[in-house]
Amino acid sequence: MKKVHIRTPSKQYDVYIGSSLLEKAGRLSANIIGVGKVAIVTDDIVDRLYASR
């Protein structure tokens, strides 16, 4: 897994790139933003492959 730090004039955040991140999404997001909130960015191809999970 690769972590890329993004910095804009108003915010900073990390982007995680890698395989099997869907399985790790709960743990990663809980470590960053706490329990109960998550955002997953995807596209049509990822949706077609993994949406049923």
N, C-alpha and C. Protein backbone atom coordinates (compact mmCIF):
# COMPACT_ATOMS: atom_id res chain seq x y z
N MET A 1 0.85 -1.17 0.00
CA MET A 1 0.00 0.00 0.00
C MET A 1 0.90 1.23 0.00
N LYS A 2 0.53 2.19 -0.81
CA LYS A 2 1.26 3.45 -0.87
C LYS A 2 0.37 4.56 -0.31
N LYS A 3 0.96 5.44 0.48
CA LYS A 3 0.23 6.58 1.04
C LYS A 3 0.81 7.85 0.44
N VAL A 4 -0.05 8.68 -0.16
CA VAL A 4 0.35 9.94 -0.76
C VAL A 4 -0.30 11.07 0.04
N HIS A 5 0.51 11.98 0.53
CA HIS A 5 0.00 13.10 1.30
C HIS A 5 -0.36 14.23 0.35
N ILE A 6 -1.59 14.73 0.43
CA ILE A 6 -2.08 15.81 -0.42
C ILE A 6 -2.23 17.06 0.44
N ARG A 7 -1.74 18.17 -0.07
CA ARG A 7 -1.85 19.44 0.65
C ARG A 7 -2.44 20.47 -0.30
N THR A 8 -3.56 21.07 0.11
CA THR A 8 -4.18 22.16 -0.65
C THR A 8 -4.14 23.40 0.23
N PRO A 9 -4.50 24.55 -0.30
CA PRO A 9 -4.49 25.76 0.53
C PRO A 9 -5.39 25.64 1.78
N SER A 10 -6.45 24.85 1.69
CA SER A 10 -7.38 24.79 2.82
C SER A 10 -7.35 23.49 3.62
N LYS A 11 -6.76 22.43 3.08
CA LYS A 11 -6.79 21.13 3.77
C LYS A 11 -5.56 20.30 3.46
N GLN A 12 -5.37 19.28 4.29
CA GLN A 12 -4.36 18.26 4.06
C GLN A 12 -5.02 16.91 4.28
N TYR A 13 -4.64 15.92 3.48
CA TYR A 13 -5.18 14.58 3.68
C TYR A 13 -4.27 13.57 3.01
N ASP A 14 -4.45 12.31 3.37
CA ASP A 14 -3.69 11.22 2.78
C ASP A 14 -4.57 10.43 1.84
N VAL A 15 -3.97 9.97 0.75
CA VAL A 15 -4.64 9.09 -0.20
C VAL A 15 -3.89 7.76 -0.17
N TYR A 16 -4.62 6.67 -0.03
CA TYR A 16 -4.03 5.34 0.00
C TYR A 16 -4.25 4.68 -1.35
N ILE A 17 -3.20 4.10 -1.91
CA ILE A 17 -3.24 3.45 -3.21
C ILE A 17 -2.70 2.04 -3.05
N GLY A 18 -3.45 1.07 -3.53
CA GLY A 18 -2.96 -0.30 -3.43
C GLY A 18 -4.06 -1.31 -3.64
N SER A 19 -3.69 -2.57 -3.53
CA SER A 19 -4.66 -3.64 -3.71
C SER A 19 -5.26 -4.04 -2.36
N SER A 20 -6.43 -4.62 -2.42
CA SER A 20 -7.16 -5.11 -1.23
C SER A 20 -7.48 -4.01 -0.22
N LEU A 21 -7.56 -2.76 -0.67
CA LEU A 21 -7.88 -1.67 0.25
C LEU A 21 -9.32 -1.72 0.73
N LEU A 22 -10.20 -2.31 -0.06
CA LEU A 22 -11.59 -2.41 0.37
C LEU A 22 -11.70 -3.19 1.67
N GLU A 23 -10.93 -4.26 1.80
CA GLU A 23 -10.94 -5.06 3.02
C GLU A 23 -10.35 -4.30 4.20
N LYS A 24 -9.49 -3.32 3.94
CA LYS A 24 -8.83 -2.56 4.99
C LYS A 24 -9.51 -1.22 5.27
N ALA A 25 -10.55 -0.89 4.52
CA ALA A 25 -11.16 0.44 4.61
C ALA A 25 -11.67 0.77 6.00
N GLY A 26 -12.30 -0.18 6.66
CA GLY A 26 -12.82 0.08 8.01
C GLY A 26 -11.73 0.44 8.99
N ARG A 27 -10.67 -0.35 9.02
CA ARG A 27 -9.56 -0.10 9.95
C ARG A 27 -8.86 1.20 9.62
N LEU A 28 -8.58 1.44 8.33
CA LEU A 28 -7.89 2.67 7.93
C LEU A 28 -8.71 3.90 8.29
N SER A 29 -10.00 3.88 7.98
CA SER A 29 -10.82 5.06 8.25
C SER A 29 -11.01 5.27 9.74
N ALA A 30 -11.15 4.21 10.51
CA ALA A 30 -11.32 4.35 11.96
C ALA A 30 -10.08 4.98 12.58
N ASN A 31 -8.91 4.63 12.08
CA ASN A 31 -7.66 5.21 12.58
C ASN A 31 -7.55 6.69 12.25
N ILE A 32 -8.16 7.11 11.16
CA ILE A 32 -8.00 8.49 10.68
C ILE A 32 -9.11 9.40 11.19
N ILE A 33 -10.36 8.98 10.98
CA ILE A 33 -11.48 9.88 11.27
C ILE A 33 -12.40 9.39 12.37
N GLY A 34 -12.10 8.27 12.94
CA GLY A 34 -12.94 7.74 14.00
C GLY A 34 -14.02 6.81 13.46
N VAL A 35 -14.73 6.22 14.35
CA VAL A 35 -15.77 5.27 13.99
C VAL A 35 -17.03 6.00 13.56
N GLY A 36 -17.69 5.50 12.52
CA GLY A 36 -18.97 6.05 12.11
C GLY A 36 -18.96 6.91 10.87
N LYS A 37 -17.78 7.23 10.33
CA LYS A 37 -17.70 8.06 9.13
C LYS A 37 -16.69 7.44 8.17
N VAL A 38 -17.03 7.45 6.89
CA VAL A 38 -16.10 6.95 5.88
C VAL A 38 -16.47 7.54 4.52
N ALA A 39 -15.48 7.71 3.67
CA ALA A 39 -15.70 8.14 2.29
C ALA A 39 -14.86 7.24 1.39
N ILE A 40 -15.49 6.67 0.39
CA ILE A 40 -14.79 5.83 -0.58
C ILE A 40 -15.02 6.43 -1.95
N VAL A 41 -13.94 6.72 -2.65
CA VAL A 41 -14.01 7.27 -4.00
C VAL A 41 -13.78 6.13 -4.98
N THR A 42 -14.66 6.02 -5.96
CA THR A 42 -14.57 4.90 -6.90
C THR A 42 -14.97 5.36 -8.30
N ASP A 43 -15.04 4.44 -9.22
CA ASP A 43 -15.49 4.74 -10.57
C ASP A 43 -16.33 3.56 -11.08
N ASP A 44 -16.78 3.64 -12.34
CA ASP A 44 -17.65 2.60 -12.89
C ASP A 44 -16.99 1.23 -12.95
N ILE A 45 -15.70 1.19 -13.24
CA ILE A 45 -15.00 -0.09 -13.33
C ILE A 45 -14.91 -0.75 -11.96
N VAL A 46 -14.51 0.01 -10.97
CA VAL A 46 -14.43 -0.53 -9.61
C VAL A 46 -15.81 -0.95 -9.13
N ASP A 47 -16.82 -0.15 -9.44
CA ASP A 47 -18.19 -0.49 -9.08
C ASP A 47 -18.59 -1.84 -9.67
N ARG A 48 -18.32 -2.03 -10.93
CA ARG A 48 -18.67 -3.26 -11.61
C ARG A 48 -17.95 -4.47 -10.99
N LEU A 49 -16.71 -4.28 -10.57
CA LEU A 49 -15.92 -5.38 -10.02
C LEU A 49 -16.22 -5.69 -8.56
N TYR A 50 -16.51 -4.65 -7.74
CA TYR A 50 -16.54 -4.85 -6.30
C TYR A 50 -17.80 -4.37 -5.58
N ALA A 51 -18.75 -3.77 -6.25
CA ALA A 51 -19.91 -3.19 -5.56
C ALA A 51 -20.70 -4.21 -4.76
N SER A 52 -20.72 -5.43 -5.20
CA SER A 52 -21.49 -6.45 -4.48
C SER A 52 -20.87 -6.84 -3.15
N ARG A 53 -19.64 -6.45 -2.91
CA ARG A 53 -18.97 -6.76 -1.64
C ARG A 53 -19.51 -5.84 -0.60
